[in-house]
Amino acid sequence: MVNRYNYCPHCEKRILFTIEMKDIDQSQYPAPVYNLHKDDACNKISTFYVDSLLRVSYKELEKKPGAIKTLDASSLGG
């Protein structure tokens, strides 16, 4: 289990989410995973693509097919 920091593609706030290997389909890389930004002002889902070390390769605004789990992402200060 690792914590990852990134930016929400909808509101551009800094977010934190926790991800594990079981959260992704390991038969494809980059592997998609859905992130739900748990913020009153945003609360939107986006698709993040991660590599085999669970690092974010890129992200999409839309909910793209292929992910097996939705992760909760929380806003960080600022």
PDB file of N, CA and C in Angstrom:
ATOM      1  N   MET A   1       0.860  -1.171   0.000  1.00  0.00           N
ATOM      2  CA  MET A   1       0.000   0.000   0.000  1.00  0.00           C
ATOM      3  C   MET A   1       0.907   1.235   0.000  1.00  0.00           C
ATOM      4  N   VAL A   2       0.619   2.142  -0.933  1.00  0.00           N
ATOM      5  CA  VAL A   2       1.395   3.376  -1.020  1.00  0.00           C
ATOM      6  C   VAL A   2       0.470   4.579  -1.140  1.00  0.00           C
ATOM      7  N   ASN A   3       0.928   5.689  -0.606  1.00  0.00           N
ATOM      8  CA  ASN A   3       0.207   6.950  -0.758  1.00  0.00           C
ATOM      9  C   ASN A   3       0.747   7.660  -1.981  1.00  0.00           C
ATOM     10  N   ARG A   4      -0.153   8.206  -2.779  1.00  0.00           N
ATOM     11  CA  ARG A   4       0.240   8.959  -3.965  1.00  0.00           C
ATOM     12  C   ARG A   4      -0.371  10.346  -3.906  1.00  0.00           C
ATOM     13  N   TYR A   5       0.434  11.314  -4.266  1.00  0.00           N
ATOM     14  CA  TYR A   5      -0.003  12.704  -4.339  1.00  0.00           C
ATOM     15  C   TYR A   5      -0.092  13.088  -5.804  1.00  0.00           C
ATOM     16  N   ASN A   6      -1.100  13.869  -6.147  1.00  0.00           N
ATOM     17  CA  ASN A   6      -1.250  14.346  -7.510  1.00  0.00           C
ATOM     18  C   ASN A   6      -2.203  15.530  -7.482  1.00  0.00           C
ATOM     19  N   TYR A   7      -2.702  15.898  -8.653  1.00  0.00           N
ATOM     20  CA  TYR A   7      -3.659  16.998  -8.758  1.00  0.00           C
ATOM     21  C   TYR A   7      -4.940  16.502  -9.405  1.00  0.00           C
ATOM     22  N   CYS A   8      -6.074  16.939  -8.913  1.00  0.00           N
ATOM     23  CA  CYS A   8      -7.357  16.590  -9.500  1.00  0.00           C
ATOM     24  C   CYS A   8      -7.440  17.257 -10.872  1.00  0.00           C
ATOM     25  N   PRO A   9      -7.739  16.499 -11.930  1.00  0.00           N
ATOM     26  CA  PRO A   9      -7.821  17.109 -13.255  1.00  0.00           C
ATOM     27  C   PRO A   9      -9.042  18.013 -13.434  1.00  0.00           C
ATOM     28  N   HIS A  10     -10.004  17.943 -12.514  1.00  0.00           N
ATOM     29  CA  HIS A  10     -11.203  18.782 -12.607  1.00  0.00           C
ATOM     30  C   HIS A  10     -10.992  20.148 -11.950  1.00  0.00           C
ATOM     31  N   CYS A  11     -10.514  20.144 -10.709  1.00  0.00           N
ATOM     32  CA  CYS A  11     -10.401  21.407  -9.957  1.00  0.00           C
ATOM     33  C   CYS A  11      -8.960  21.847  -9.713  1.00  0.00           C
ATOM     34  N   GLU A  12      -7.999  20.983 -10.056  1.00  0.00           N
ATOM     35  CA  GLU A  12      -6.568  21.271  -9.903  1.00  0.00           C
ATOM     36  C   GLU A  12      -6.092  21.389  -8.456  1.00  0.00           C
ATOM     37  N   LYS A  13      -6.916  20.931  -7.495  1.00  0.00           N
ATOM     38  CA  LYS A  13      -6.455  20.898  -6.103  1.00  0.00           C
ATOM     39  C   LYS A  13      -5.524  19.702  -5.931  1.00  0.00           C
ATOM     40  N   ARG A  14      -4.592  19.833  -5.004  1.00  0.00           N
ATOM     41  CA  ARG A  14      -3.691  18.729  -4.693  1.00  0.00           C
ATOM     42  C   ARG A  14      -4.463  17.667  -3.923  1.00  0.00           C
ATOM     43  N   ILE A  15      -4.276  16.401  -4.324  1.00  0.00           N
ATOM     44  CA  ILE A  15      -5.003  15.297  -3.697  1.00  0.00           C
ATOM     45  C   ILE A  15      -4.048  14.215  -3.200  1.00  0.00           C
ATOM     46  N   LEU A  16      -4.564  13.405  -2.310  1.00  0.00           N
ATOM     47  CA  LEU A  16      -3.853  12.249  -1.769  1.00  0.00           C
ATOM     48  C   LEU A  16      -4.767  11.042  -1.894  1.00  0.00           C
ATOM     49  N   PHE A  17      -4.207   9.925  -2.407  1.00  0.00           N
ATOM     50  CA  PHE A  17      -4.965   8.677  -2.427  1.00  0.00           C
ATOM     51  C   PHE A  17      -4.025   7.518  -2.118  1.00  0.00           C
ATOM     52  N   THR A  18      -4.585   6.448  -1.603  1.00  0.00           N
ATOM     53  CA  THR A  18      -3.832   5.242  -1.267  1.00  0.00           C
ATOM     54  C   THR A  18      -4.177   4.165  -2.281  1.00  0.00           C
ATOM     55  N   ILE A  19      -3.145   3.495  -2.796  1.00  0.00           N
ATOM     56  CA  ILE A  19      -3.354   2.476  -3.825  1.00  0.00           C
ATOM     57  C   ILE A  19      -2.524   1.235  -3.510  1.00  0.00           C
ATOM     58  N   GLU A  20      -3.064   0.067  -3.892  1.00  0.00           N
ATOM     59  CA  GLU A  20      -2.383  -1.215  -3.726  1.00  0.00           C
ATOM     60  C   GLU A  20      -2.429  -1.955  -5.059  1.00  0.00           C
ATOM     61  N   MET A  21      -1.577  -2.950  -5.211  1.00  0.00           N
ATOM     62  CA  MET A  21      -1.544  -3.732  -6.452  1.00  0.00           C
ATOM     63  C   MET A  21      -2.897  -4.392  -6.731  1.00  0.00           C
ATOM     64  N   LYS A  22      -3.630  -4.770  -5.684  1.00  0.00           N
ATOM     65  CA  LYS A  22      -4.919  -5.433  -5.886  1.00  0.00           C
ATOM     66  C   LYS A  22      -5.981  -4.473  -6.443  1.00  0.00           C
ATOM     67  N   ASP A  23      -5.685  -3.168  -6.442  1.00  0.00           N
ATOM     68  CA  ASP A  23      -6.634  -2.167  -6.938  1.00  0.00           C
ATOM     69  C   ASP A  23      -6.608  -2.025  -8.459  1.00  0.00           C
ATOM     70  N   ILE A  24      -5.640  -2.656  -9.110  1.00  0.00           N
ATOM     71  CA  ILE A  24      -5.505  -2.496 -10.558  1.00  0.00           C
ATOM     72  C   ILE A  24      -5.518  -3.844 -11.269  1.00  0.00           C
ATOM     73  N   ASP A  25      -5.809  -3.806 -12.557  1.00  0.00           N
ATOM     74  CA  ASP A  25      -5.718  -4.979 -13.425  1.00  0.00           C
ATOM     75  C   ASP A  25      -4.262  -5.073 -13.876  1.00  0.00           C
ATOM     76  N   GLN A  26      -3.524  -6.027 -13.324  1.00  0.00           N
ATOM     77  CA  GLN A  26      -2.095  -6.132 -13.587  1.00  0.00           C
ATOM     78  C   GLN A  26      -1.768  -6.731 -14.952  1.00  0.00           C
ATOM     79  N   SER A  27      -2.780  -7.061 -15.726  1.00  0.00           N
ATOM     80  CA  SER A  27      -2.535  -7.597 -17.067  1.00  0.00           C
ATOM     81  C   SER A  27      -2.334  -6.486 -18.087  1.00  0.00           C
ATOM     82  N   GLN A  28      -2.560  -5.245 -17.704  1.00  0.00           N
ATOM     83  CA  GLN A  28      -2.357  -4.124 -18.632  1.00  0.00           C
ATOM     84  C   GLN A  28      -1.679  -2.955 -17.934  1.00  0.00           C
ATOM     85  N   TYR A  29      -0.712  -2.376 -18.606  1.00  0.00           N
ATOM     86  CA  TYR A  29      -0.040  -1.173 -18.102  1.00  0.00           C
ATOM     87  C   TYR A  29       0.067  -0.168 -19.227  1.00  0.00           C
ATOM     88  N   PRO A  30      -0.139   1.112 -18.972  1.00  0.00           N
ATOM     89  CA  PRO A  30      -0.567   1.642 -17.688  1.00  0.00           C
ATOM     90  C   PRO A  30      -1.977   1.184 -17.350  1.00  0.00           C
ATOM     91  N   ALA A  31      -2.192   0.865 -16.082  1.00  0.00           N
ATOM     92  CA  ALA A  31      -3.470   0.321 -15.615  1.00  0.00           C
ATOM     93  C   ALA A  31      -4.376   1.444 -15.115  1.00  0.00           C
ATOM     94  N   PRO A  32      -5.635   1.465 -15.570  1.00  0.00           N
ATOM     95  CA  PRO A  32      -6.546   2.518 -15.118  1.00  0.00           C
ATOM     96  C   PRO A  32      -7.101   2.243 -13.719  1.00  0.00           C
ATOM     97  N   VAL A  33      -7.326   3.309 -12.987  1.00  0.00           N
ATOM     98  CA  VAL A  33      -8.002   3.246 -11.689  1.00  0.00           C
ATOM     99  C   VAL A  33      -8.816   4.528 -11.558  1.00  0.00           C
ATOM    100  N   TYR A  34     -10.014   4.415 -11.019  1.00  0.00           N
ATOM    101  CA  TYR A  34     -10.858   5.590 -10.847  1.00  0.00           C
ATOM    102  C   TYR A  34     -10.535   6.268  -9.527  1.00  0.00           C
ATOM    103  N   ASN A  35     -10.532   7.589  -9.541  1.00  0.00           N
ATOM    104  CA  ASN A  35     -10.332   8.387  -8.336  1.00  0.00           C
ATOM    105  C   ASN A  35     -11.540   9.280  -8.136  1.00  0.00           C
ATOM    106  N   LEU A  36     -12.144   9.175  -6.970  1.00  0.00           N
ATOM    107  CA  LEU A  36     -13.245  10.059  -6.600  1.00  0.00           C
ATOM    108  C   LEU A  36     -12.686  11.108  -5.664  1.00  0.00           C
ATOM    109  N   HIS A  37     -12.667  12.360  -6.126  1.00  0.00           N
ATOM    110  CA  HIS A  37     -12.145  13.450  -5.305  1.00  0.00           C
ATOM    111  C   HIS A  37     -13.203  13.833  -4.280  1.00  0.00           C
ATOM    112  N   LYS A  38     -12.991  13.412  -3.039  1.00  0.00           N
ATOM    113  CA  LYS A  38     -13.938  13.648  -1.946  1.00  0.00           C
ATOM    114  C   LYS A  38     -13.759  15.059  -1.409  1.00  0.00           C
ATOM    115  N   ASP A  39     -14.319  16.015  -2.134  1.00  0.00           N
ATOM    116  CA  ASP A  39     -14.234  17.424  -1.772  1.00  0.00           C
ATOM    117  C   ASP A  39     -15.596  18.039  -2.070  1.00  0.00           C
ATOM    118  N   ASP A  40     -16.135  18.818  -1.142  1.00  0.00           N
ATOM    119  CA  ASP A  40     -17.469  19.400  -1.323  1.00  0.00           C
ATOM    120  C   ASP A  40     -17.585  20.213  -2.608  1.00  0.00           C
ATOM    121  N   ALA A  41     -16.521  20.893  -2.979  1.00  0.00           N
ATOM    122  CA  ALA A  41     -16.565  21.750  -4.169  1.00  0.00           C
ATOM    123  C   ALA A  41     -16.359  20.965  -5.461  1.00  0.00           C
ATOM    124  N   CYS A  42     -15.793  19.770  -5.404  1.00  0.00           N
ATOM    125  CA  CYS A  42     -15.493  19.008  -6.614  1.00  0.00           C
ATOM    126  C   CYS A  42     -16.348  17.736  -6.687  1.00  0.00           C
ATOM    127  N   ASN A  43     -15.988  16.719  -5.903  1.00  0.00           N
ATOM    128  CA  ASN A  43     -16.710  15.453  -5.827  1.00  0.00           C
ATOM    129  C   ASN A  43     -16.905  14.791  -7.199  1.00  0.00           C
ATOM    130  N   LYS A  44     -15.848  14.801  -8.028  1.00  0.00           N
ATOM    131  CA  LYS A  44     -15.923  14.227  -9.372  1.00  0.00           C
ATOM    132  C   LYS A  44     -14.976  13.056  -9.509  1.00  0.00           C
ATOM    133  N   ILE A  45     -15.322  12.171 -10.446  1.00  0.00           N
ATOM    134  CA  ILE A  45     -14.503  10.992 -10.729  1.00  0.00           C
ATOM    135  C   ILE A  45     -13.649  11.249 -11.960  1.00  0.00           C
ATOM    136  N   SER A  46     -12.396  10.812 -11.880  1.00  0.00           N
ATOM    137  CA  SER A  46     -11.501  10.862 -13.027  1.00  0.00           C
ATOM    138  C   SER A  46     -10.776   9.524 -13.115  1.00  0.00           C
ATOM    139  N   THR A  47     -10.111   9.285 -14.232  1.00  0.00           N
ATOM    140  CA  THR A  47      -9.360   8.050 -14.427  1.00  0.00           C
ATOM    141  C   THR A  47      -7.876   8.368 -14.376  1.00  0.00           C
ATOM    142  N   PHE A  48      -7.165   7.684 -13.487  1.00  0.00           N
ATOM    143  CA  PHE A  48      -5.715   7.810 -13.406  1.00  0.00           C
ATOM    144  C   PHE A  48      -5.125   6.509 -13.944  1.00  0.00           C
ATOM    145  N   TYR A  49      -4.031   6.598 -14.646  1.00  0.00           N
ATOM    146  CA  TYR A  49      -3.340   5.424 -15.176  1.00  0.00           C
ATOM    147  C   TYR A  49      -2.013   5.294 -14.452  1.00  0.00           C
ATOM    148  N   VAL A  50      -1.755   4.095 -13.909  1.00  0.00           N
ATOM    149  CA  VAL A  50      -0.543   3.871 -13.123  1.00  0.00           C
ATOM    150  C   VAL A  50       0.324   2.793 -13.760  1.00  0.00           C
ATOM    151  N   ASP A  51       1.633   2.898 -13.493  1.00  0.00           N
ATOM    152  CA  ASP A  51       2.570   1.903 -13.996  1.00  0.00           C
ATOM    153  C   ASP A  51       2.718   0.763 -12.983  1.00  0.00           C
ATOM    154  N   SER A  52       3.653  -0.133 -13.232  1.00  0.00           N
ATOM    155  CA  SER A  52       3.817  -1.309 -12.370  1.00  0.00           C
ATOM    156  C   SER A  52       4.333  -0.967 -10.972  1.00  0.00           C
ATOM    157  N   LEU A  53       4.830   0.246 -10.777  1.00  0.00           N
ATOM    158  CA  LEU A  53       5.262   0.694  -9.450  1.00  0.00           C
ATOM    159  C   LEU A  53       4.214   1.595  -8.807  1.00  0.00           C
ATOM    160  N   LEU A  54       3.017   1.611  -9.390  1.00  0.00           N
ATOM    161  CA  LEU A  54       1.871   2.381  -8.910  1.00  0.00           C
ATOM    162  C   LEU A  54       2.104   3.892  -8.969  1.00  0.00           C
ATOM    163  N   ARG A  55       2.938   4.315  -9.898  1.00  0.00           N
ATOM    164  CA  ARG A  55       3.156   5.742 -10.135  1.00  0.00           C
ATOM    165  C   ARG A  55       2.191   6.201 -11.224  1.00  0.00           C
ATOM    166  N   VAL A  56       1.640   7.391 -11.075  1.00  0.00           N
ATOM    167  CA  VAL A  56       0.696   7.913 -12.057  1.00  0.00           C
ATOM    168  C   VAL A  56       1.436   8.267 -13.346  1.00  0.00           C
ATOM    169  N   SER A  57       0.986   7.662 -14.449  1.00  0.00           N
ATOM    170  CA  SER A  57       1.564   7.951 -15.759  1.00  0.00           C
ATOM    171  C   SER A  57       0.847   9.128 -16.408  1.00  0.00           C
ATOM    172  N   TYR A  58      -0.472   9.084 -16.377  1.00  0.00           N
ATOM    173  CA  TYR A  58      -1.280  10.190 -16.881  1.00  0.00           C
ATOM    174  C   TYR A  58      -2.691  10.043 -16.347  1.00  0.00           C
ATOM    175  N   LYS A  59      -3.538  11.051 -16.596  1.00  0.00           N
ATOM    176  CA  LYS A  59      -4.903  11.043 -16.067  1.00  0.00           C
ATOM    177  C   LYS A  59      -5.854  11.636 -17.092  1.00  0.00           C
ATOM    178  N   GLU A  60      -7.118  11.257 -16.960  1.00  0.00           N
ATOM    179  CA  GLU A  60      -8.184  11.705 -17.865  1.00  0.00           C
ATOM    180  C   GLU A  60      -9.314  12.294 -17.033  1.00  0.00           C
ATOM    181  N   LEU A  61      -9.985  13.298 -17.577  1.00  0.00           N
ATOM    182  CA  LEU A  61     -11.134  13.892 -16.886  1.00  0.00           C
ATOM    183  C   LEU A  61     -12.296  12.920 -16.786  1.00  0.00           C
ATOM    184  N   GLU A  62     -12.492  12.128 -17.826  1.00  0.00           N
ATOM    185  CA  GLU A  62     -13.649  11.245 -17.887  1.00  0.00           C
ATOM    186  C   GLU A  62     -13.385   9.911 -17.189  1.00  0.00           C
ATOM    187  N   LYS A  63     -14.460   9.209 -16.915  1.00  0.00           N
ATOM    188  CA  LYS A  63     -14.386   7.859 -16.366  1.00  0.00           C
ATOM    189  C   LYS A  63     -14.249   6.910 -17.555  1.00  0.00           C
ATOM    190  N   LYS A  64     -13.029   6.471 -17.834  1.00  0.00           N
ATOM    191  CA  LYS A  64     -12.730   5.606 -18.969  1.00  0.00           C
ATOM    192  C   LYS A  64     -12.916   4.144 -18.567  1.00  0.00           C
ATOM    193  N   PRO A  65     -13.233   3.260 -19.513  1.00  0.00           N
ATOM    194  CA  PRO A  65     -13.432   1.849 -19.182  1.00  0.00           C
ATOM    195  C   PRO A  65     -12.123   1.155 -18.787  1.00  0.00           C
ATOM    196  N   GLY A  66     -12.263   0.075 -18.030  1.00  0.00           N
ATOM    197  CA  GLY A  66     -11.124  -0.774 -17.726  1.00  0.00           C
ATOM    198  C   GLY A  66     -10.686  -0.821 -16.275  1.00  0.00           C
ATOM    199  N   ALA A  67     -11.054   0.156 -15.485  1.00  0.00           N
ATOM    200  CA  ALA A  67     -10.639   0.153 -14.073  1.00  0.00           C
ATOM    201  C   ALA A  67     -11.477  -0.833 -13.280  1.00  0.00           C
ATOM    202  N   ILE A  68     -10.883  -1.423 -12.258  1.00  0.00           N
ATOM    203  CA  ILE A  68     -11.609  -2.394 -11.436  1.00  0.00           C
ATOM    204  C   ILE A  68     -11.964  -1.846 -10.060  1.00  0.00           C
ATOM    205  N   LYS A  69     -11.505  -0.627  -9.742  1.00  0.00           N
ATOM    206  CA  LYS A  69     -11.780  -0.085  -8.421  1.00  0.00           C
ATOM    207  C   LYS A  69     -11.838   1.437  -8.479  1.00  0.00           C
ATOM    208  N   THR A  70     -12.660   2.004  -7.575  1.00  0.00           N
ATOM    209  CA  THR A  70     -12.711   3.454  -7.387  1.00  0.00           C
ATOM    210  C   THR A  70     -12.074   3.777  -6.046  1.00  0.00           C
ATOM    211  N   LEU A  71     -11.055   4.629  -6.080  1.00  0.00           N
ATOM    212  CA  LEU A  71     -10.348   5.033  -4.866  1.00  0.00           C
ATOM    213  C   LEU A  71     -10.850   6.396  -4.414  1.00  0.00           C
ATOM    214  N   ASP A  72     -10.867   6.611  -3.103  1.00  0.00           N
ATOM    215  CA  ASP A  72     -11.214   7.921  -2.566  1.00  0.00           C
ATOM    216  C   ASP A  72      -9.955   8.767  -2.497  1.00  0.00           C
ATOM    217  N   ALA A  73     -10.052   9.973  -3.015  1.00  0.00           N
ATOM    218  CA  ALA A  73      -8.942  10.927  -2.964  1.00  0.00           C
ATOM    219  C   ALA A  73      -9.355  12.104  -2.122  1.00  0.00           C
ATOM    220  N   SER A  74      -8.524  12.501  -1.198  1.00  0.00           N
ATOM    221  CA  SER A  74      -8.843  13.631  -0.343  1.00  0.00           C
ATOM    222  C   SER A  74      -7.990  14.833  -0.715  1.00  0.00           C
ATOM    223  N   SER A  75      -8.531  16.028  -0.479  1.00  0.00           N
ATOM    224  CA  SER A  75      -7.794  17.263  -0.750  1.00  0.00           C
ATOM    225  C   SER A  75      -6.735  17.477   0.307  1.00  0.00           C
ATOM    226  N   LEU A  76      -5.634  18.062  -0.113  1.00  0.00           N
ATOM    227  CA  LEU A  76      -4.597  18.457   0.824  1.00  0.00           C
ATOM    228  C   LEU A  76      -4.690  19.956   1.035  1.00  0.00           C
ATOM    229  N   GLY A  77      -4.112  20.432   2.101  1.00  0.00           N
ATOM    230  CA  GLY A  77      -4.195  21.857   2.439  1.00  0.00           C
ATOM    231  C   GLY A  77      -3.785  22.780   1.318  1.00  0.00           C
ATOM    232  N   GLY A  78      -4.237  23.999   1.370  1.00  0.00           N
ATOM    233  CA  GLY A  78      -3.828  24.976   0.369  1.00  0.00           C
ATOM    234  C   GLY A  78      -4.889  25.398  -0.456  1.00  0.00           C
TER     235      GLY A  78
END
